């Protein structure tokens, strides 16, 4: 592939990745922090470099709620997001 084709492919993949991040924002998530703590929260936003995740209404194991917090992605061992509704299939990458 030539440079122009590579650039188009990278741009397309980046656009799809950013669209996926926007779909995840506002969704309910379950997280396992690196220390093993399991929490639930609403995803407010994810940094485009995936360096940080902004969470709202994070519920800790003993029921304490933290209104707003930012967690570094390096602190997250596992992240599961439940997307409310998909209007169409969304493919981030496919083998062609």
PDB file of N, CA and C in Angstrom:
ATOM      1  N   UNK A   1       0.837  -1.175   0.000  1.00  0.00           N
ATOM      2  CA  UNK A   1       0.000   0.000   0.000  1.00  0.00           C
ATOM      3  C   UNK A   1       0.882   1.239   0.000  1.00  0.00           C
ATOM      4  N   UNK A   2       0.456   2.273  -0.704  1.00  0.00           N
ATOM      5  CA  UNK A   2       1.213   3.511  -0.756  1.00  0.00           C
ATOM      6  C   UNK A   2       0.933   4.385   0.451  1.00  0.00           C
ATOM      7  N   UNK A   3       1.707   5.440   0.580  1.00  0.00           N
ATOM      8  CA  UNK A   3       1.542   6.354   1.709  1.00  0.00           C
ATOM      9  C   UNK A   3       0.148   6.963   1.771  1.00  0.00           C
ATOM     10  N   UNK A   4      -0.393   7.363   0.635  1.00  0.00           N
ATOM     11  CA  UNK A   4      -1.728   7.975   0.609  1.00  0.00           C
ATOM     12  C   UNK A   4      -2.789   6.975   1.067  1.00  0.00           C
ATOM     13  N   UNK A   5      -2.687   5.741   0.615  1.00  0.00           N
ATOM     14  CA  UNK A   5      -3.642   4.704   1.022  1.00  0.00           C
ATOM     15  C   UNK A   5      -3.500   4.405   2.512  1.00  0.00           C
ATOM     16  N   UNK A   6      -2.263   4.354   3.004  1.00  0.00           N
ATOM     17  CA  UNK A   6      -2.026   4.133   4.438  1.00  0.00           C
ATOM     18  C   UNK A   6      -2.649   5.252   5.264  1.00  0.00           C
ATOM     19  N   UNK A   7      -2.469   6.476   4.828  1.00  0.00           N
ATOM     20  CA  UNK A   7      -3.021   7.624   5.546  1.00  0.00           C
ATOM     21  C   UNK A   7      -4.543   7.587   5.560  1.00  0.00           C
ATOM     22  N   UNK A   8      -5.153   7.223   4.434  1.00  0.00           N
ATOM     23  CA  UNK A   8      -6.616   7.119   4.384  1.00  0.00           C
ATOM     24  C   UNK A   8      -7.110   6.037   5.337  1.00  0.00           C
ATOM     25  N   UNK A   9      -6.431   4.897   5.343  1.00  0.00           N
ATOM     26  CA  UNK A   9      -6.824   3.806   6.230  1.00  0.00           C
ATOM     27  C   UNK A   9      -6.688   4.217   7.692  1.00  0.00           C
ATOM     28  N   UNK A  10      -5.572   4.847   8.049  1.00  0.00           N
ATOM     29  CA  UNK A  10      -5.381   5.305   9.431  1.00  0.00           C
ATOM     30  C   UNK A  10      -6.444   6.332   9.817  1.00  0.00           C
ATOM     31  N   UNK A  11      -6.760   7.245   8.910  1.00  0.00           N
ATOM     32  CA  UNK A  11      -7.783   8.260   9.183  1.00  0.00           C
ATOM     33  C   UNK A  11      -9.148   7.610   9.394  1.00  0.00           C
ATOM     34  N   UNK A  12      -9.463   6.615   8.578  1.00  0.00           N
ATOM     35  CA  UNK A  12     -10.741   5.912   8.712  1.00  0.00           C
ATOM     36  C   UNK A  12     -10.818   5.166  10.042  1.00  0.00           C
ATOM     37  N   UNK A  13      -9.757   4.473  10.403  1.00  0.00           N
ATOM     38  CA  UNK A  13      -9.741   3.745  11.675  1.00  0.00           C
ATOM     39  C   UNK A  13      -9.823   4.699  12.860  1.00  0.00           C
ATOM     40  N   UNK A  14      -9.134   5.830  12.783  1.00  0.00           N
ATOM     41  CA  UNK A  14      -9.173   6.834  13.856  1.00  0.00           C
ATOM     42  C   UNK A  14     -10.591   7.381  14.000  1.00  0.00           C
ATOM     43  N   UNK A  15     -11.241   7.672  12.880  1.00  0.00           N
ATOM     44  CA  UNK A  15     -12.612   8.177  12.917  1.00  0.00           C
ATOM     45  C   UNK A  15     -13.545   7.160  13.569  1.00  0.00           C
ATOM     46  N   UNK A  16     -13.402   5.891  13.213  1.00  0.00           N
ATOM     47  CA  UNK A  16     -14.242   4.844  13.799  1.00  0.00           C
ATOM     48  C   UNK A  16     -13.974   4.694  15.289  1.00  0.00           C
ATOM     49  N   UNK A  17     -12.710   4.801  15.688  1.00  0.00           N
ATOM     50  CA  UNK A  17     -12.351   4.711  17.104  1.00  0.00           C
ATOM     51  C   UNK A  17     -12.986   5.862  17.881  1.00  0.00           C
ATOM     52  N   UNK A  18     -12.884   7.077  17.360  1.00  0.00           N
ATOM     53  CA  UNK A  18     -13.469   8.235  18.039  1.00  0.00           C
ATOM     54  C   UNK A  18     -14.989   8.128  18.104  1.00  0.00           C
ATOM     55  N   UNK A  19     -15.602   7.588  17.060  1.00  0.00           N
ATOM     56  CA  UNK A  19     -17.049   7.375  17.073  1.00  0.00           C
ATOM     57  C   UNK A  19     -17.426   6.345  18.141  1.00  0.00           C
ATOM     58  N   UNK A  20     -16.622   5.303  18.270  1.00  0.00           N
ATOM     59  CA  UNK A  20     -16.878   4.293  19.303  1.00  0.00           C
ATOM     60  C   UNK A  20     -16.786   4.912  20.696  1.00  0.00           C
ATOM     61  N   UNK A  21     -15.802   5.778  20.910  1.00  0.00           N
ATOM     62  CA  UNK A  21     -15.674   6.452  22.204  1.00  0.00           C
ATOM     63  C   UNK A  21     -16.907   7.300  22.497  1.00  0.00           C
ATOM     64  N   UNK A  22     -17.435   7.973  21.488  1.00  0.00           N
ATOM     65  CA  UNK A  22     -18.614   8.812  21.705  1.00  0.00           C
ATOM     66  C   UNK A  22     -19.850   7.963  21.994  1.00  0.00           C
ATOM     67  N   UNK A  23     -19.938   6.783  21.407  1.00  0.00           N
ATOM     68  CA  UNK A  23     -21.059   5.879  21.677  1.00  0.00           C
ATOM     69  C   UNK A  23     -21.012   5.388  23.118  1.00  0.00           C
ATOM     70  N   UNK A  24     -19.817   5.126  23.620  1.00  0.00           N
ATOM     71  CA  UNK A  24     -19.632   4.618  24.983  1.00  0.00           C
ATOM     72  C   UNK A  24     -19.979   5.689  26.018  1.00  0.00           C
ATOM     73  N   UNK A  25     -19.721   6.948  25.716  1.00  0.00           N
ATOM     74  CA  UNK A  25     -20.021   8.033  26.658  1.00  0.00           C
ATOM     75  C   UNK A  25     -21.506   8.040  26.982  1.00  0.00           C
ATOM     76  N   UNK A  26     -21.815   8.098  28.271  1.00  0.00           N
ATOM     77  CA  UNK A  26     -23.197   8.078  28.721  1.00  0.00           C
ATOM     78  C   UNK A  26     -23.704   6.687  29.054  1.00  0.00           C
ATOM     79  N   UNK A  27     -22.875   5.683  28.868  1.00  0.00           N
ATOM     80  CA  UNK A  27     -23.278   4.300  29.118  1.00  0.00           C
ATOM     81  C   UNK A  27     -22.901   3.852  30.528  1.00  0.00           C
ATOM     82  N   UNK A  28     -23.598   2.839  31.003  1.00  0.00           N
ATOM     83  CA  UNK A  28     -23.305   2.223  32.297  1.00  0.00           C
ATOM     84  C   UNK A  28     -22.103   1.306  32.139  1.00  0.00           C
ATOM     85  N   UNK A  29     -21.197   1.330  33.124  1.00  0.00           N
ATOM     86  CA  UNK A  29     -19.983   0.520  33.033  1.00  0.00           C
ATOM     87  C   UNK A  29     -19.716  -0.210  34.340  1.00  0.00           C
ATOM     88  N   UNK A  30     -19.079  -1.359  34.205  1.00  0.00           N
ATOM     89  CA  UNK A  30     -18.536  -2.096  35.343  1.00  0.00           C
ATOM     90  C   UNK A  30     -17.032  -2.076  35.182  1.00  0.00           C
ATOM     91  N   UNK A  31     -16.332  -1.748  36.262  1.00  0.00           N
ATOM     92  CA  UNK A  31     -14.882  -1.651  36.203  1.00  0.00           C
ATOM     93  C   UNK A  31     -14.252  -2.477  37.306  1.00  0.00           C
ATOM     94  N   UNK A  32     -13.112  -3.032  37.007  1.00  0.00           N
ATOM     95  CA  UNK A  32     -12.262  -3.625  38.026  1.00  0.00           C
ATOM     96  C   UNK A  32     -10.989  -2.800  38.032  1.00  0.00           C
ATOM     97  N   UNK A  33     -10.721  -2.188  39.174  1.00  0.00           N
ATOM     98  CA  UNK A  33      -9.519  -1.381  39.333  1.00  0.00           C
ATOM     99  C   UNK A  33      -8.350  -2.342  39.569  1.00  0.00           C
ATOM    100  N   UNK A  34      -7.146  -1.900  39.271  1.00  0.00           N
ATOM    101  CA  UNK A  34      -5.964  -2.771  39.372  1.00  0.00           C
ATOM    102  C   UNK A  34      -5.781  -3.406  40.750  1.00  0.00           C
ATOM    103  N   UNK A  35      -6.298  -2.767  41.807  1.00  0.00           N
ATOM    104  CA  UNK A  35      -6.175  -3.361  43.145  1.00  0.00           C
ATOM    105  C   UNK A  35      -7.235  -4.426  43.402  1.00  0.00           C
ATOM    106  N   UNK A  36      -8.101  -4.683  42.403  1.00  0.00           N
ATOM    107  CA  UNK A  36      -9.124  -5.714  42.523  1.00  0.00           C
ATOM    108  C   UNK A  36     -10.501  -5.194  42.897  1.00  0.00           C
ATOM    109  N   UNK A  37     -10.624  -3.918  43.211  1.00  0.00           N
ATOM    110  CA  UNK A  37     -11.906  -3.326  43.571  1.00  0.00           C
ATOM    111  C   UNK A  37     -12.825  -3.287  42.353  1.00  0.00           C
ATOM    112  N   UNK A  38     -14.065  -3.747  42.541  1.00  0.00           N
ATOM    113  CA  UNK A  38     -15.050  -3.720  41.463  1.00  0.00           C
ATOM    114  C   UNK A  38     -16.045  -2.607  41.735  1.00  0.00           C
ATOM    115  N   UNK A  39     -16.276  -1.765  40.734  1.00  0.00           N
ATOM    116  CA  UNK A  39     -17.188  -0.634  40.865  1.00  0.00           C
ATOM    117  C   UNK A  39     -18.089  -0.559  39.638  1.00  0.00           C
ATOM    118  N   UNK A  40     -19.182   0.185  39.787  1.00  0.00           N
ATOM    119  CA  UNK A  40     -20.032   0.507  38.644  1.00  0.00           C
ATOM    120  C   UNK A  40     -20.113   2.023  38.548  1.00  0.00           C
ATOM    121  N   UNK A  41     -20.341   2.524  37.352  1.00  0.00           N
ATOM    122  CA  UNK A  41     -20.412   3.970  37.140  1.00  0.00           C
ATOM    123  C   UNK A  41     -21.014   4.253  35.776  1.00  0.00           C
ATOM    124  N   UNK A  42     -21.318   5.504  35.547  1.00  0.00           N
ATOM    125  CA  UNK A  42     -21.715   5.972  34.223  1.00  0.00           C
ATOM    126  C   UNK A  42     -20.495   6.605  33.580  1.00  0.00           C
ATOM    127  N   UNK A  43     -20.216   6.240  32.345  1.00  0.00           N
ATOM    128  CA  UNK A  43     -19.079   6.813  31.627  1.00  0.00           C
ATOM    129  C   UNK A  43     -19.501   8.185  31.116  1.00  0.00           C
ATOM    130  N   UNK A  44     -18.818   9.229  31.590  1.00  0.00           N
ATOM    131  CA  UNK A  44     -19.110  10.585  31.123  1.00  0.00           C
ATOM    132  C   UNK A  44     -18.330  10.882  29.852  1.00  0.00           C
ATOM    133  N   UNK A  45     -17.074  10.439  29.810  1.00  0.00           N
ATOM    134  CA  UNK A  45     -16.229  10.689  28.635  1.00  0.00           C
ATOM    135  C   UNK A  45     -14.988   9.818  28.719  1.00  0.00           C
ATOM    136  N   UNK A  46     -14.375   9.604  27.570  1.00  0.00           N
ATOM    137  CA  UNK A  46     -13.096   8.902  27.492  1.00  0.00           C
ATOM    138  C   UNK A  46     -12.176   9.763  26.647  1.00  0.00           C
ATOM    139  N   UNK A  47     -10.991  10.014  27.161  1.00  0.00           N
ATOM    140  CA  UNK A  47     -10.027  10.821  26.406  1.00  0.00           C
ATOM    141  C   UNK A  47      -9.703  10.116  25.098  1.00  0.00           C
ATOM    142  N   UNK A  48      -9.520  10.869  24.032  1.00  0.00           N
ATOM    143  CA  UNK A  48      -9.297  10.274  22.709  1.00  0.00           C
ATOM    144  C   UNK A  48      -8.032   9.428  22.638  1.00  0.00           C
ATOM    145  N   UNK A  49      -7.086   9.661  23.539  1.00  0.00           N
ATOM    146  CA  UNK A  49      -5.885   8.817  23.589  1.00  0.00           C
ATOM    147  C   UNK A  49      -6.098   7.620  24.519  1.00  0.00           C
ATOM    148  N   UNK A  50      -7.288   7.529  25.114  1.00  0.00           N
ATOM    149  CA  UNK A  50      -7.679   6.508  26.080  1.00  0.00           C
ATOM    150  C   UNK A  50      -6.819   6.569  27.341  1.00  0.00           C
ATOM    151  N   UNK A  51      -6.243   7.737  27.622  1.00  0.00           N
ATOM    152  CA  UNK A  51      -5.407   7.896  28.809  1.00  0.00           C
ATOM    153  C   UNK A  51      -6.229   8.040  30.082  1.00  0.00           C
ATOM    154  N   UNK A  52      -7.427   8.615  29.985  1.00  0.00           N
ATOM    155  CA  UNK A  52      -8.274   8.854  31.149  1.00  0.00           C
ATOM    156  C   UNK A  52      -9.727   8.538  30.830  1.00  0.00           C
ATOM    157  N   UNK A  53     -10.447   8.120  31.881  1.00  0.00           N
ATOM    158  CA  UNK A  53     -11.877   7.867  31.770  1.00  0.00           C
ATOM    159  C   UNK A  53     -12.568   8.734  32.819  1.00  0.00           C
ATOM    160  N   UNK A  54     -13.548   9.522  32.395  1.00  0.00           N
ATOM    161  CA  UNK A  54     -14.312  10.365  33.309  1.00  0.00           C
ATOM    162  C   UNK A  54     -15.581   9.603  33.677  1.00  0.00           C
ATOM    163  N   UNK A  55     -15.798   9.424  34.985  1.00  0.00           N
ATOM    164  CA  UNK A  55     -16.934   8.641  35.469  1.00  0.00           C
ATOM    165  C   UNK A  55     -17.847   9.501  36.323  1.00  0.00           C
ATOM    166  N   UNK A  56     -19.139   9.181  36.288  1.00  0.00           N
ATOM    167  CA  UNK A  56     -20.131   9.836  37.139  1.00  0.00           C
ATOM    168  C   UNK A  56     -20.836   8.770  37.964  1.00  0.00           C
ATOM    169  N   UNK A  57     -21.217   9.160  39.169  1.00  0.00           N
ATOM    170  CA  UNK A  57     -21.986   8.285  40.061  1.00  0.00           C
ATOM    171  C   UNK A  57     -21.312   6.929  40.231  1.00  0.00           C
ATOM    172  N   UNK A  58     -20.023   6.948  40.528  1.00  0.00           N
ATOM    173  CA  UNK A  58     -19.276   5.704  40.725  1.00  0.00           C
ATOM    174  C   UNK A  58     -19.666   5.101  42.074  1.00  0.00           C
ATOM    175  N   UNK A  59     -20.171   3.871  42.031  1.00  0.00           N
ATOM    176  CA  UNK A  59     -20.592   3.191  43.253  1.00  0.00           C
ATOM    177  C   UNK A  59     -19.512   2.218  43.697  1.00  0.00           C
ATOM    178  N   UNK A  60     -19.014   2.449  44.904  1.00  0.00           N
ATOM    179  CA  UNK A  60     -17.988   1.596  45.486  1.00  0.00           C
ATOM    180  C   UNK A  60     -18.635   0.375  46.131  1.00  0.00           C
ATOM    181  N   UNK A  61     -17.853  -0.666  46.448  1.00  0.00           N
ATOM    182  CA  UNK A  61     -18.417  -1.912  46.976  1.00  0.00           C
ATOM    183  C   UNK A  61     -19.311  -1.754  48.208  1.00  0.00           C
ATOM    184  N   UNK A  62     -19.003  -0.829  49.109  1.00  0.00           N
ATOM    185  CA  UNK A  62     -19.813  -0.686  50.328  1.00  0.00           C
ATOM    186  C   UNK A  62     -20.953   0.312  50.155  1.00  0.00           C
ATOM    187  N   UNK A  63     -21.253   0.683  48.898  1.00  0.00           N
ATOM    188  CA  UNK A  63     -22.396   1.536  48.617  1.00  0.00           C
ATOM    189  C   UNK A  63     -22.103   3.021  48.543  1.00  0.00           C
ATOM    190  N   UNK A  64     -20.890   3.438  48.856  1.00  0.00           N
ATOM    191  CA  UNK A  64     -20.555   4.858  48.763  1.00  0.00           C
ATOM    192  C   UNK A  64     -20.564   5.278  47.294  1.00  0.00           C
ATOM    193  N   UNK A  65     -21.120   6.464  47.032  1.00  0.00           N
ATOM    194  CA  UNK A  65     -21.200   7.003  45.673  1.00  0.00           C
ATOM    195  C   UNK A  65     -20.245   8.189  45.547  1.00  0.00           C
ATOM    196  N   UNK A  66     -19.442   8.189  44.507  1.00  0.00           N
ATOM    197  CA  UNK A  66     -18.586   9.326  44.184  1.00  0.00           C
ATOM    198  C   UNK A  66     -19.203   9.984  42.957  1.00  0.00           C
ATOM    199  N   UNK A  67     -19.574  11.259  43.105  1.00  0.00           N
ATOM    200  CA  UNK A  67     -20.295  11.959  42.035  1.00  0.00           C
ATOM    201  C   UNK A  67     -19.530  11.990  40.720  1.00  0.00           C
ATOM    202  N   UNK A  68     -18.343  12.569  40.716  1.00  0.00           N
ATOM    203  CA  UNK A  68     -17.538  12.705  39.498  1.00  0.00           C
ATOM    204  C   UNK A  68     -16.091  12.366  39.814  1.00  0.00           C
ATOM    205  N   UNK A  69     -15.460  11.614  38.922  1.00  0.00           N
ATOM    206  CA  UNK A  69     -14.054  11.264  39.122  1.00  0.00           C
ATOM    207  C   UNK A  69     -13.400  10.982  37.774  1.00  0.00           C
ATOM    208  N   UNK A  70     -12.094  11.130  37.749  1.00  0.00           N
ATOM    209  CA  UNK A  70     -11.302  10.800  36.566  1.00  0.00           C
ATOM    210  C   UNK A  70     -10.353   9.681  36.964  1.00  0.00           C
ATOM    211  N   UNK A  71     -10.350   8.611  36.184  1.00  0.00           N
ATOM    212  CA  UNK A  71      -9.463   7.478  36.452  1.00  0.00           C
ATOM    213  C   UNK A  71      -8.538   7.304  35.262  1.00  0.00           C
ATOM    214  N   UNK A  72      -7.273   7.151  35.556  1.00  0.00           N
ATOM    215  CA  UNK A  72      -6.297   6.873  34.503  1.00  0.00           C
ATOM    216  C   UNK A  72      -6.557   5.470  33.968  1.00  0.00           C
ATOM    217  N   UNK A  73      -6.471   5.302  32.673  1.00  0.00           N
ATOM    218  CA  UNK A  73      -6.714   3.974  32.101  1.00  0.00           C
ATOM    219  C   UNK A  73      -5.700   2.955  32.608  1.00  0.00           C
ATOM    220  N   UNK A  74      -4.541   3.411  33.048  1.00  0.00           N
ATOM    221  CA  UNK A  74      -3.546   2.482  33.594  1.00  0.00           C
ATOM    222  C   UNK A  74      -3.987   1.909  34.939  1.00  0.00           C
ATOM    223  N   UNK A  75      -4.992   2.524  35.574  1.00  0.00           N
ATOM    224  CA  UNK A  75      -5.534   2.035  36.846  1.00  0.00           C
ATOM    225  C   UNK A  75      -6.648   1.012  36.638  1.00  0.00           C
ATOM    226  N   UNK A  76      -7.114   0.865  35.401  1.00  0.00           N
ATOM    227  CA  UNK A  76      -8.252  -0.006  35.107  1.00  0.00           C
ATOM    228  C   UNK A  76      -7.753  -1.347  34.579  1.00  0.00           C
ATOM    229  N   UNK A  77      -8.114  -2.413  35.295  1.00  0.00           N
ATOM    230  CA  UNK A  77      -7.743  -3.759  34.850  1.00  0.00           C
ATOM    231  C   UNK A  77      -8.783  -4.303  33.871  1.00  0.00           C
ATOM    232  N   UNK A  78     -10.047  -3.928  34.073  1.00  0.00           N
ATOM    233  CA  UNK A  78     -11.140  -4.456  33.251  1.00  0.00           C
ATOM    234  C   UNK A  78     -12.222  -3.391  33.156  1.00  0.00           C
ATOM    235  N   UNK A  79     -12.772  -3.214  31.975  1.00  0.00           N
ATOM    236  CA  UNK A  79     -13.849  -2.252  31.754  1.00  0.00           C
ATOM    237  C   UNK A  79     -14.882  -2.889  30.839  1.00  0.00           C
ATOM    238  N   UNK A  80     -16.104  -2.986  31.335  1.00  0.00           N
ATOM    239  CA  UNK A  80     -17.207  -3.527  30.546  1.00  0.00           C
ATOM    240  C   UNK A  80     -18.275  -2.447  30.450  1.00  0.00           C
ATOM    241  N   UNK A  81     -18.697  -2.145  29.234  1.00  0.00           N
ATOM    242  CA  UNK A  81     -19.668  -1.078  29.011  1.00  0.00           C
ATOM    243  C   UNK A  81     -20.918  -1.655  28.370  1.00  0.00           C
ATOM    244  N   UNK A  82     -22.067  -1.276  28.905  1.00  0.00           N
ATOM    245  CA  UNK A  82     -23.335  -1.697  28.322  1.00  0.00           C
ATOM    246  C   UNK A  82     -23.889  -0.522  27.523  1.00  0.00           C
ATOM    247  N   UNK A  83     -23.883  -0.657  26.208  1.00  0.00           N
ATOM    248  CA  UNK A  83     -24.401   0.386  25.329  1.00  0.00           C
ATOM    249  C   UNK A  83     -25.910   0.209  25.248  1.00  0.00           C
ATOM    250  N   UNK A  84     -26.637   1.286  25.474  1.00  0.00           N
ATOM    251  CA  UNK A  84     -28.103   1.219  25.555  1.00  0.00           C
ATOM    252  C   UNK A  84     -28.755   0.734  24.275  1.00  0.00           C
ATOM    253  N   UNK A  85     -28.390   1.330  23.166  1.00  0.00           N
ATOM    254  CA  UNK A  85     -29.066   0.994  21.915  1.00  0.00           C
ATOM    255  C   UNK A  85     -28.104   1.183  20.753  1.00  0.00           C
ATOM    256  N   UNK A  86     -28.125   0.223  19.859  1.00  0.00           N
ATOM    257  CA  UNK A  86     -27.326   0.354  18.633  1.00  0.00           C
ATOM    258  C   UNK A  86     -28.278   0.527  17.479  1.00  0.00           C
ATOM    259  N   UNK A  87     -28.127   1.611  16.771  1.00  0.00           N
ATOM    260  CA  UNK A  87     -28.993   1.844  15.617  1.00  0.00           C
ATOM    261  C   UNK A  87     -28.540   1.039  14.411  1.00  0.00           C
ATOM    262  N   UNK A  88     -27.251   0.717  14.356  1.00  0.00           N
ATOM    263  CA  UNK A  88     -26.732  -0.126  13.284  1.00  0.00           C
ATOM    264  C   UNK A  88     -25.458  -0.786  13.786  1.00  0.00           C
ATOM    265  N   UNK A  89     -25.048  -1.819  13.109  1.00  0.00           N
ATOM    266  CA  UNK A  89     -23.809  -2.476  13.498  1.00  0.00           C
ATOM    267  C   UNK A  89     -22.656  -1.510  13.346  1.00  0.00           C
ATOM    268  N   UNK A  90     -21.742  -1.585  14.273  1.00  0.00           N
ATOM    269  CA  UNK A  90     -20.594  -0.681  14.260  1.00  0.00           C
ATOM    270  C   UNK A  90     -19.338  -1.530  14.289  1.00  0.00           C
ATOM    271  N   UNK A  91     -18.586  -1.494  13.211  1.00  0.00           N
ATOM    272  CA  UNK A  91     -17.367  -2.290  13.104  1.00  0.00           C
ATOM    273  C   UNK A  91     -16.181  -1.354  13.193  1.00  0.00           C
ATOM    274  N   UNK A  92     -15.317  -1.572  14.183  1.00  0.00           N
ATOM    275  CA  UNK A  92     -14.135  -0.727  14.334  1.00  0.00           C
ATOM    276  C   UNK A  92     -13.075  -1.126  13.322  1.00  0.00           C
ATOM    277  N   UNK A  93     -12.857  -2.390  13.155  1.00  0.00           N
ATOM    278  CA  UNK A  93     -11.855  -2.848  12.183  1.00  0.00           C
ATOM    279  C   UNK A  93     -12.298  -4.196  11.647  1.00  0.00           C
ATOM    280  N   UNK A  94     -11.956  -4.443  10.423  1.00  0.00           N
ATOM    281  CA  UNK A  94     -12.278  -5.742   9.841  1.00  0.00           C
ATOM    282  C   UNK A  94     -11.126  -6.198   8.970  1.00  0.00           C
ATOM    283  N   UNK A  95     -10.958  -7.490   8.898  1.00  0.00           N
ATOM    284  CA  UNK A  95      -9.910  -8.053   8.037  1.00  0.00           C
ATOM    285  C   UNK A  95     -10.474  -8.162   6.628  1.00  0.00           C
ATOM    286  N   UNK A  96      -9.787  -7.578   5.685  1.00  0.00           N
ATOM    287  CA  UNK A  96     -10.267  -7.628   4.296  1.00  0.00           C
ATOM    288  C   UNK A  96      -9.275  -8.330   3.425  1.00  0.00           C
TER     289      UNK A  96
END
